[in-house]
Structures are given as C-alpha cells and as structure tokens.
Amino acid sequence: MFGDSARITRLENEVARLTALIGAMAQQLGIEVPPSSEVSTHNPPAEVVEALRSGNKILAIKLWRKRTSDSLASAKDQVEAIERQLG
C-alpha cells in the first residue's frame, strides 16, 4: 500500500510536469490548449504549474482564482498543495 501512494505521487508529479511542458510548447507555437474538464490539485492548469516552476507563487494563485473562482484563502491552499506535489 505504501508503495502505491509513492507511485501515485510520482505519477501526479510527472503529469504536472508534462502538462506544464505542453502548455509552454503551445504558447511558443501560438496555439491554445483547451482547458481540462476538471481543475484540481491533481489536475492543475498548466499556467499555474508554469508560474510555480518559475517561482511566481502570487501569479499562480491569481491564475487559480481566475480558473476556479475560489476565495483567496482557498486558492492559496490549493496552489500550495500543488507546489508540494511538484517538489
């Protein structure tokens, strides 16, 4: 069971990394990636992941709020959860 949890975490981190990479590639190519049908800490928007990877947590929170309409406190909590997943 403990191995499954670690494996799931690694897979979630890899999905977040690949999502960010796809977002960056799409931006360079000038194309829009359709939004995911479900926004969650397990399926964060690519732009939120990109902002976190570039060290811009405030922008990540703003982007999260724009996508989800969460309160500031909730958005901060969600972005920090994503940040922990990314390592």
PDB file of N, CA and C in Angstrom:
ATOM      1  N   MET A   1       0.805  -1.197   0.000  1.00  0.00           N
ATOM      2  CA  MET A   1       0.000   0.000   0.000  1.00  0.00           C
ATOM      3  C   MET A   1       0.850   1.264   0.000  1.00  0.00           C
ATOM      4  N   PHE A   2       1.900   1.278   0.812  1.00  0.00           N
ATOM      5  CA  PHE A   2       2.734   2.471   0.886  1.00  0.00           C
ATOM      6  C   PHE A   2       3.441   2.725  -0.442  1.00  0.00           C
ATOM      7  N   GLY A   3       3.804   1.650  -1.129  1.00  0.00           N
ATOM      8  CA  GLY A   3       4.423   1.791  -2.434  1.00  0.00           C
ATOM      9  C   GLY A   3       3.477   2.410  -3.446  1.00  0.00           C
ATOM     10  N   ASP A   4       2.191   2.061  -3.333  1.00  0.00           N
ATOM     11  CA  ASP A   4       1.192   2.624  -4.241  1.00  0.00           C
ATOM     12  C   ASP A   4       1.082   4.129  -4.058  1.00  0.00           C
ATOM     13  N   SER A   5       1.113   4.576  -2.818  1.00  0.00           N
ATOM     14  CA  SER A   5       0.998   6.006  -2.536  1.00  0.00           C
ATOM     15  C   SER A   5       2.179   6.772  -3.136  1.00  0.00           C
ATOM     16  N   ALA A   6       3.363   6.242  -2.964  1.00  0.00           N
ATOM     17  CA  ALA A   6       4.556   6.888  -3.519  1.00  0.00           C
ATOM     18  C   ALA A   6       4.502   6.880  -5.047  1.00  0.00           C
ATOM     19  N   ARG A   7       4.031   5.789  -5.607  1.00  0.00           N
ATOM     20  CA  ARG A   7       3.927   5.684  -7.072  1.00  0.00           C
ATOM     21  C   ARG A   7       2.905   6.688  -7.611  1.00  0.00           C
ATOM     22  N   ILE A   8       1.785   6.805  -6.939  1.00  0.00           N
ATOM     23  CA  ILE A   8       0.756   7.768  -7.359  1.00  0.00           C
ATOM     24  C   ILE A   8       1.310   9.182  -7.295  1.00  0.00           C
ATOM     25  N   THR A   9       2.022   9.503  -6.242  1.00  0.00           N
ATOM     26  CA  THR A   9       2.616  10.838  -6.109  1.00  0.00           C
ATOM     27  C   THR A   9       3.602  11.104  -7.235  1.00  0.00           C
ATOM     28  N   ARG A  10       4.448  10.120  -7.547  1.00  0.00           N
ATOM     29  CA  ARG A  10       5.402  10.289  -8.663  1.00  0.00           C
ATOM     30  C   ARG A  10       4.666  10.504  -9.980  1.00  0.00           C
ATOM     31  N   LEU A  11       3.603   9.739 -10.201  1.00  0.00           N
ATOM     32  CA  LEU A  11       2.833   9.882 -11.433  1.00  0.00           C
ATOM     33  C   LEU A  11       2.142  11.243 -11.509  1.00  0.00           C
ATOM     34  N   GLU A  12       1.590  11.697 -10.387  1.00  0.00           N
ATOM     35  CA  GLU A  12       0.960  13.017 -10.363  1.00  0.00           C
ATOM     36  C   GLU A  12       1.975  14.106 -10.669  1.00  0.00           C
ATOM     37  N   ASN A  13       3.157  13.987 -10.111  1.00  0.00           N
ATOM     38  CA  ASN A  13       4.213  14.968 -10.384  1.00  0.00           C
ATOM     39  C   ASN A  13       4.620  14.945 -11.854  1.00  0.00           C
ATOM     40  N   GLU A  14       4.699  13.760 -12.424  1.00  0.00           N
ATOM     41  CA  GLU A  14       5.059  13.645 -13.836  1.00  0.00           C
ATOM     42  C   GLU A  14       3.975  14.229 -14.731  1.00  0.00           C
ATOM     43  N   VAL A  15       2.724  13.990 -14.398  1.00  0.00           N
ATOM     44  CA  VAL A  15       1.616  14.575 -15.162  1.00  0.00           C
ATOM     45  C   VAL A  15       1.669  16.093 -15.078  1.00  0.00           C
ATOM     46  N   ALA A  16       1.921  16.631 -13.890  1.00  0.00           N
ATOM     47  CA  ALA A  16       2.013  18.089 -13.731  1.00  0.00           C
ATOM     48  C   ALA A  16       3.162  18.644 -14.563  1.00  0.00           C
ATOM     49  N   ARG A  17       4.295  17.939 -14.565  1.00  0.00           N
ATOM     50  CA  ARG A  17       5.450  18.383 -15.358  1.00  0.00           C
ATOM     51  C   ARG A  17       5.133  18.365 -16.846  1.00  0.00           C
ATOM     52  N   LEU A  18       4.520  17.299 -17.300  1.00  0.00           N
ATOM     53  CA  LEU A  18       4.182  17.186 -18.722  1.00  0.00           C
ATOM     54  C   LEU A  18       3.106  18.189 -19.126  1.00  0.00           C
ATOM     55  N   THR A  19       2.166  18.442 -18.235  1.00  0.00           N
ATOM     56  CA  THR A  19       1.136  19.443 -18.503  1.00  0.00           C
ATOM     57  C   THR A  19       1.769  20.813 -18.683  1.00  0.00           C
ATOM     58  N   ALA A  20       2.719  21.140 -17.817  1.00  0.00           N
ATOM     59  CA  ALA A  20       3.411  22.421 -17.924  1.00  0.00           C
ATOM     60  C   ALA A  20       4.207  22.493 -19.224  1.00  0.00           C
ATOM     61  N   LEU A  21       4.852  21.401 -19.585  1.00  0.00           N
ATOM     62  CA  LEU A  21       5.629  21.358 -20.820  1.00  0.00           C
ATOM     63  C   LEU A  21       4.731  21.564 -22.043  1.00  0.00           C
ATOM     64  N   ILE A  22       3.591  20.901 -22.059  1.00  0.00           N
ATOM     65  CA  ILE A  22       2.645  21.071 -23.166  1.00  0.00           C
ATOM     66  C   ILE A  22       2.158  22.513 -23.236  1.00  0.00           C
ATOM     67  N   GLY A  23       1.861  23.096 -22.077  1.00  0.00           N
ATOM     68  CA  GLY A  23       1.433  24.496 -22.044  1.00  0.00           C
ATOM     69  C   GLY A  23       2.490  25.430 -22.593  1.00  0.00           C
ATOM     70  N   ALA A  24       3.741  25.190 -22.216  1.00  0.00           N
ATOM     71  CA  ALA A  24       4.838  26.035 -22.703  1.00  0.00           C
ATOM     72  C   ALA A  24       5.025  25.870 -24.212  1.00  0.00           C
ATOM     73  N   MET A  25       4.940  24.637 -24.685  1.00  0.00           N
ATOM     74  CA  MET A  25       5.083  24.391 -26.122  1.00  0.00           C
ATOM     75  C   MET A  25       3.943  25.044 -26.902  1.00  0.00           C
ATOM     76  N   ALA A  26       2.735  24.924 -26.388  1.00  0.00           N
ATOM     77  CA  ALA A  26       1.584  25.530 -27.056  1.00  0.00           C
ATOM     78  C   ALA A  26       1.740  27.038 -27.118  1.00  0.00           C
ATOM     79  N   GLN A  27       2.225  27.627 -26.031  1.00  0.00           N
ATOM     80  CA  GLN A  27       2.425  29.069 -26.001  1.00  0.00           C
ATOM     81  C   GLN A  27       3.463  29.489 -27.039  1.00  0.00           C
ATOM     82  N   GLN A  28       4.561  28.749 -27.140  1.00  0.00           N
ATOM     83  CA  GLN A  28       5.591  29.063 -28.131  1.00  0.00           C
ATOM     84  C   GLN A  28       5.063  28.931 -29.555  1.00  0.00           C
ATOM     85  N   LEU A  29       4.170  27.983 -29.756  1.00  0.00           N
ATOM     86  CA  LEU A  29       3.609  27.766 -31.087  1.00  0.00           C
ATOM     87  C   LEU A  29       2.419  28.678 -31.380  1.00  0.00           C
ATOM     88  N   GLY A  30       1.970  29.393 -30.347  1.00  0.00           N
ATOM     89  CA  GLY A  30       0.852  30.309 -30.530  1.00  0.00           C
ATOM     90  C   GLY A  30      -0.487  29.614 -30.652  1.00  0.00           C
ATOM     91  N   ILE A  31      -0.606  28.446 -30.051  1.00  0.00           N
ATOM     92  CA  ILE A  31      -1.883  27.736 -30.082  1.00  0.00           C
ATOM     93  C   ILE A  31      -2.443  27.651 -28.667  1.00  0.00           C
ATOM     94  N   GLU A  32      -3.745  27.475 -28.591  1.00  0.00           N
ATOM     95  CA  GLU A  32      -4.400  27.395 -27.292  1.00  0.00           C
ATOM     96  C   GLU A  32      -4.737  25.951 -26.975  1.00  0.00           C
ATOM     97  N   VAL A  33      -4.376  25.532 -25.778  1.00  0.00           N
ATOM     98  CA  VAL A  33      -4.708  24.188 -25.321  1.00  0.00           C
ATOM     99  C   VAL A  33      -6.076  24.272 -24.652  1.00  0.00           C
ATOM    100  N   PRO A  34      -7.027  23.464 -25.081  1.00  0.00           N
ATOM    101  CA  PRO A  34      -8.347  23.517 -24.452  1.00  0.00           C
ATOM    102  C   PRO A  34      -8.235  23.220 -22.962  1.00  0.00           C
ATOM    103  N   PRO A  35      -9.016  23.925 -22.149  1.00  0.00           N
ATOM    104  CA  PRO A  35      -8.939  23.678 -20.711  1.00  0.00           C
ATOM    105  C   PRO A  35      -9.418  22.279 -20.364  1.00  0.00           C
ATOM    106  N   SER A  36      -8.853  21.762 -19.302  1.00  0.00           N
ATOM    107  CA  SER A  36      -9.256  20.456 -18.807  1.00  0.00           C
ATOM    108  C   SER A  36     -10.687  20.546 -18.292  1.00  0.00           C
ATOM    109  N   SER A  37     -11.383  19.435 -18.345  1.00  0.00           N
ATOM    110  CA  SER A  37     -12.762  19.443 -17.859  1.00  0.00           C
ATOM    111  C   SER A  37     -12.816  19.509 -16.337  1.00  0.00           C
ATOM    112  N   GLU A  38     -11.723  19.172 -15.687  1.00  0.00           N
ATOM    113  CA  GLU A  38     -11.701  19.182 -14.228  1.00  0.00           C
ATOM    114  C   GLU A  38     -10.424  19.858 -13.743  1.00  0.00           C
ATOM    115  N   VAL A  39     -10.583  20.910 -12.971  1.00  0.00           N
ATOM    116  CA  VAL A  39      -9.438  21.593 -12.395  1.00  0.00           C
ATOM    117  C   VAL A  39      -9.345  21.172 -10.942  1.00  0.00           C
ATOM    118  N   SER A  40      -8.209  20.613 -10.573  1.00  0.00           N
ATOM    119  CA  SER A  40      -7.987  20.195  -9.196  1.00  0.00           C
ATOM    120  C   SER A  40      -6.498  20.219  -8.925  1.00  0.00           C
ATOM    121  N   THR A  41      -6.134  19.981  -7.677  1.00  0.00           N
ATOM    122  CA  THR A  41      -4.713  19.930  -7.359  1.00  0.00           C
ATOM    123  C   THR A  41      -4.048  18.733  -8.027  1.00  0.00           C
ATOM    124  N   HIS A  42      -4.850  17.717  -8.393  1.00  0.00           N
ATOM    125  CA  HIS A  42      -4.306  16.556  -9.100  1.00  0.00           C
ATOM    126  C   HIS A  42      -4.283  16.783 -10.603  1.00  0.00           C
ATOM    127  N   ASN A  43      -4.966  17.812 -11.046  1.00  0.00           N
ATOM    128  CA  ASN A  43      -5.024  18.153 -12.465  1.00  0.00           C
ATOM    129  C   ASN A  43      -4.948  19.674 -12.593  1.00  0.00           C
ATOM    130  N   PRO A  44      -3.816  20.264 -12.160  1.00  0.00           N
ATOM    131  CA  PRO A  44      -3.731  21.725 -12.153  1.00  0.00           C
ATOM    132  C   PRO A  44      -3.582  22.300 -13.560  1.00  0.00           C
ATOM    133  N   PRO A  45      -4.100  23.491 -13.767  1.00  0.00           N
ATOM    134  CA  PRO A  45      -3.912  24.139 -15.070  1.00  0.00           C
ATOM    135  C   PRO A  45      -2.419  24.338 -15.357  1.00  0.00           C
ATOM    136  N   ALA A  46      -2.045  24.161 -16.607  1.00  0.00           N
ATOM    137  CA  ALA A  46      -0.640  24.265 -16.999  1.00  0.00           C
ATOM    138  C   ALA A  46      -0.050  25.615 -16.631  1.00  0.00           C
ATOM    139  N   GLU A  47      -0.844  26.674 -16.772  1.00  0.00           N
ATOM    140  CA  GLU A  47      -0.305  28.001 -16.477  1.00  0.00           C
ATOM    141  C   GLU A  47      -0.001  28.175 -14.991  1.00  0.00           C
ATOM    142  N   VAL A  48      -0.745  27.487 -14.137  1.00  0.00           N
ATOM    143  CA  VAL A  48      -0.472  27.534 -12.693  1.00  0.00           C
ATOM    144  C   VAL A  48       0.845  26.815 -12.407  1.00  0.00           C
ATOM    145  N   VAL A  49       1.019  25.655 -13.016  1.00  0.00           N
ATOM    146  CA  VAL A  49       2.255  24.892 -12.842  1.00  0.00           C
ATOM    147  C   VAL A  49       3.443  25.697 -13.364  1.00  0.00           C
ATOM    148  N   GLU A  50       3.291  26.312 -14.527  1.00  0.00           N
ATOM    149  CA  GLU A  50       4.368  27.130 -15.097  1.00  0.00           C
ATOM    150  C   GLU A  50       4.747  28.266 -14.158  1.00  0.00           C
ATOM    151  N   ALA A  51       3.748  28.949 -13.613  1.00  0.00           N
ATOM    152  CA  ALA A  51       4.019  30.058 -12.694  1.00  0.00           C
ATOM    153  C   ALA A  51       4.778  29.566 -11.469  1.00  0.00           C
ATOM    154  N   LEU A  52       4.384  28.427 -10.929  1.00  0.00           N
ATOM    155  CA  LEU A  52       5.086  27.878  -9.767  1.00  0.00           C
ATOM    156  C   LEU A  52       6.508  27.479 -10.117  1.00  0.00           C
ATOM    157  N   ARG A  53       6.677  26.849 -11.240  1.00  0.00           N
ATOM    158  CA  ARG A  53       8.027  26.414 -11.649  1.00  0.00           C
ATOM    159  C   ARG A  53       8.952  27.607 -11.888  1.00  0.00           C
ATOM    160  N   SER A  54       8.383  28.742 -12.267  1.00  0.00           N
ATOM    161  CA  SER A  54       9.210  29.938 -12.473  1.00  0.00           C
ATOM    162  C   SER A  54       9.338  30.766 -11.194  1.00  0.00           C
ATOM    163  N   GLY A  55       8.788  30.241 -10.081  1.00  0.00           N
ATOM    164  CA  GLY A  55       8.938  30.910  -8.794  1.00  0.00           C
ATOM    165  C   GLY A  55       7.939  32.015  -8.530  1.00  0.00           C
ATOM    166  N   ASN A  56       6.858  32.080  -9.312  1.00  0.00           N
ATOM    167  CA  ASN A  56       5.884  33.158  -9.159  1.00  0.00           C
ATOM    168  C   ASN A  56       4.598  32.627  -8.531  1.00  0.00           C
ATOM    169  N   LYS A  57       4.646  32.430  -7.223  1.00  0.00           N
ATOM    170  CA  LYS A  57       3.513  31.862  -6.485  1.00  0.00           C
ATOM    171  C   LYS A  57       2.295  32.790  -6.518  1.00  0.00           C
ATOM    172  N   ILE A  58       2.520  34.101  -6.445  1.00  0.00           N
ATOM    173  CA  ILE A  58       1.404  35.051  -6.464  1.00  0.00           C
ATOM    174  C   ILE A  58       0.649  34.952  -7.787  1.00  0.00           C
ATOM    175  N   LEU A  59       1.374  34.880  -8.887  1.00  0.00           N
ATOM    176  CA  LEU A  59       0.724  34.725 -10.190  1.00  0.00           C
ATOM    177  C   LEU A  59      -0.035  33.397 -10.247  1.00  0.00           C
ATOM    178  N   ALA A  60       0.550  32.342  -9.698  1.00  0.00           N
ATOM    179  CA  ALA A  60      -0.114  31.041  -9.687  1.00  0.00           C
ATOM    180  C   ALA A  60      -1.448  31.125  -8.944  1.00  0.00           C
ATOM    181  N   ILE A  61      -1.459  31.830  -7.825  1.00  0.00           N
ATOM    182  CA  ILE A  61      -2.704  31.990  -7.056  1.00  0.00           C
ATOM    183  C   ILE A  61      -3.721  32.788  -7.860  1.00  0.00           C
ATOM    184  N   LYS A  62      -3.281  33.848  -8.508  1.00  0.00           N
ATOM    185  CA  LYS A  62      -4.196  34.650  -9.341  1.00  0.00           C
ATOM    186  C   LYS A  62      -4.786  33.808 -10.478  1.00  0.00           C
ATOM    187  N   LEU A  63      -3.939  33.020 -11.114  1.00  0.00           N
ATOM    188  CA  LEU A  63      -4.407  32.175 -12.211  1.00  0.00           C
ATOM    189  C   LEU A  63      -5.385  31.114 -11.710  1.00  0.00           C
ATOM    190  N   TRP A  64      -5.092  30.550 -10.551  1.00  0.00           N
ATOM    191  CA  TRP A  64      -6.004  29.550  -9.963  1.00  0.00           C
ATOM    192  C   TRP A  64      -7.370  30.180  -9.696  1.00  0.00           C
ATOM    193  N   ARG A  65      -7.350  31.373  -9.111  1.00  0.00           N
ATOM    194  CA  ARG A  65      -8.616  32.051  -8.804  1.00  0.00           C
ATOM    195  C   ARG A  65      -9.401  32.353 -10.080  1.00  0.00           C
ATOM    196  N   LYS A  66      -8.686  32.730 -11.118  1.00  0.00           N
ATOM    197  CA  LYS A  66      -9.350  33.044 -12.389  1.00  0.00           C
ATOM    198  C   LYS A  66     -10.043  31.805 -12.957  1.00  0.00           C
ATOM    199  N   ARG A  67      -9.398  30.648 -12.842  1.00  0.00           N
ATOM    200  CA  ARG A  67      -9.956  29.408 -13.391  1.00  0.00           C
ATOM    201  C   ARG A  67     -11.059  28.811 -12.530  1.00  0.00           C
ATOM    202  N   THR A  68     -10.993  29.042 -11.189  1.00  0.00           N
ATOM    203  CA  THR A  68     -11.898  28.334 -10.287  1.00  0.00           C
ATOM    204  C   THR A  68     -12.880  29.227  -9.539  1.00  0.00           C
ATOM    205  N   SER A  69     -12.631  30.525  -9.494  1.00  0.00           N
ATOM    206  CA  SER A  69     -13.433  31.465  -8.694  1.00  0.00           C
ATOM    207  C   SER A  69     -13.334  31.184  -7.193  1.00  0.00           C
ATOM    208  N   ASP A  70     -12.267  30.505  -6.777  1.00  0.00           N
ATOM    209  CA  ASP A  70     -12.047  30.243  -5.355  1.00  0.00           C
ATOM    210  C   ASP A  70     -11.736  31.540  -4.616  1.00  0.00           C
ATOM    211  N   SER A  71     -11.955  31.511  -3.303  1.00  0.00           N
ATOM    212  CA  SER A  71     -11.548  32.643  -2.467  1.00  0.00           C
ATOM    213  C   SER A  71     -10.023  32.706  -2.441  1.00  0.00           C
ATOM    214  N   LEU A  72      -9.498  33.816  -1.992  1.00  0.00           N
ATOM    215  CA  LEU A  72      -8.047  33.969  -1.919  1.00  0.00           C
ATOM    216  C   LEU A  72      -7.434  32.904  -1.014  1.00  0.00           C
ATOM    217  N   ALA A  73      -8.041  32.684   0.149  1.00  0.00           N
ATOM    218  CA  ALA A  73      -7.505  31.700   1.097  1.00  0.00           C
ATOM    219  C   ALA A  73      -7.532  30.288   0.499  1.00  0.00           C
ATOM    220  N   SER A  74      -8.646  29.942  -0.143  1.00  0.00           N
ATOM    221  CA  SER A  74      -8.756  28.623  -0.749  1.00  0.00           C
ATOM    222  C   SER A  74      -7.758  28.458  -1.897  1.00  0.00           C
ATOM    223  N   ALA A  75      -7.637  29.480  -2.732  1.00  0.00           N
ATOM    224  CA  ALA A  75      -6.693  29.424  -3.851  1.00  0.00           C
ATOM    225  C   ALA A  75      -5.269  29.254  -3.341  1.00  0.00           C
ATOM    226  N   LYS A  76      -4.930  29.980  -2.293  1.00  0.00           N
ATOM    227  CA  LYS A  76      -3.587  29.866  -1.708  1.00  0.00           C
ATOM    228  C   LYS A  76      -3.347  28.437  -1.228  1.00  0.00           C
ATOM    229  N   ASP A  77      -4.315  27.859  -0.536  1.00  0.00           N
ATOM    230  CA  ASP A  77      -4.183  26.482  -0.051  1.00  0.00           C
ATOM    231  C   ASP A  77      -4.011  25.500  -1.207  1.00  0.00           C
ATOM    232  N   GLN A  78      -4.795  25.670  -2.253  1.00  0.00           N
ATOM    233  CA  GLN A  78      -4.732  24.762  -3.404  1.00  0.00           C
ATOM    234  C   GLN A  78      -3.388  24.879  -4.120  1.00  0.00           C
ATOM    235  N   VAL A  79      -2.939  26.106  -4.325  1.00  0.00           N
ATOM    236  CA  VAL A  79      -1.656  26.325  -5.013  1.00  0.00           C
ATOM    237  C   VAL A  79      -0.505  25.768  -4.171  1.00  0.00           C
ATOM    238  N   GLU A  80      -0.576  25.923  -2.874  1.00  0.00           N
ATOM    239  CA  GLU A  80       0.473  25.371  -2.011  1.00  0.00           C
ATOM    240  C   GLU A  80       0.465  23.844  -2.053  1.00  0.00           C
ATOM    241  N   ALA A  81      -0.708  23.242  -2.193  1.00  0.00           N
ATOM    242  CA  ALA A  81      -0.780  21.780  -2.340  1.00  0.00           C
ATOM    243  C   ALA A  81      -0.123  21.347  -3.650  1.00  0.00           C
ATOM    244  N   ILE A  82      -0.375  22.099  -4.710  1.00  0.00           N
ATOM    245  CA  ILE A  82       0.259  21.800  -6.000  1.00  0.00           C
ATOM    246  C   ILE A  82       1.762  21.969  -5.880  1.00  0.00           C
ATOM    247  N   GLU A  83       2.176  23.024  -5.218  1.00  0.00           N
ATOM    248  CA  GLU A  83       3.596  23.303  -5.019  1.00  0.00           C
ATOM    249  C   GLU A  83       4.289  22.128  -4.304  1.00  0.00           C
ATOM    250  N   ARG A  84       3.634  21.587  -3.289  1.00  0.00           N
ATOM    251  CA  ARG A  84       4.201  20.436  -2.565  1.00  0.00           C
ATOM    252  C   ARG A  84       4.295  19.218  -3.484  1.00  0.00           C
ATOM    253  N   GLN A  85       3.305  19.026  -4.329  1.00  0.00           N
ATOM    254  CA  GLN A  85       3.332  17.888  -5.260  1.00  0.00           C
ATOM    255  C   GLN A  85       4.473  18.014  -6.259  1.00  0.00           C
ATOM    256  N   LEU A  86       4.735  19.244  -6.682  1.00  0.00           N
ATOM    257  CA  LEU A  86       5.797  19.455  -7.671  1.00  0.00           C
ATOM    258  C   LEU A  86       7.177  19.292  -7.060  1.00  0.00           C
ATOM    259  N   GLY A  87       7.235  19.424  -5.740  1.00  0.00           N
ATOM    260  CA  GLY A  87       8.515  19.243  -5.032  1.00  0.00           C
ATOM    261  C   GLY A  87       9.304  20.439  -4.986  1.00  0.00           C
TER     262      GLY A  87
END
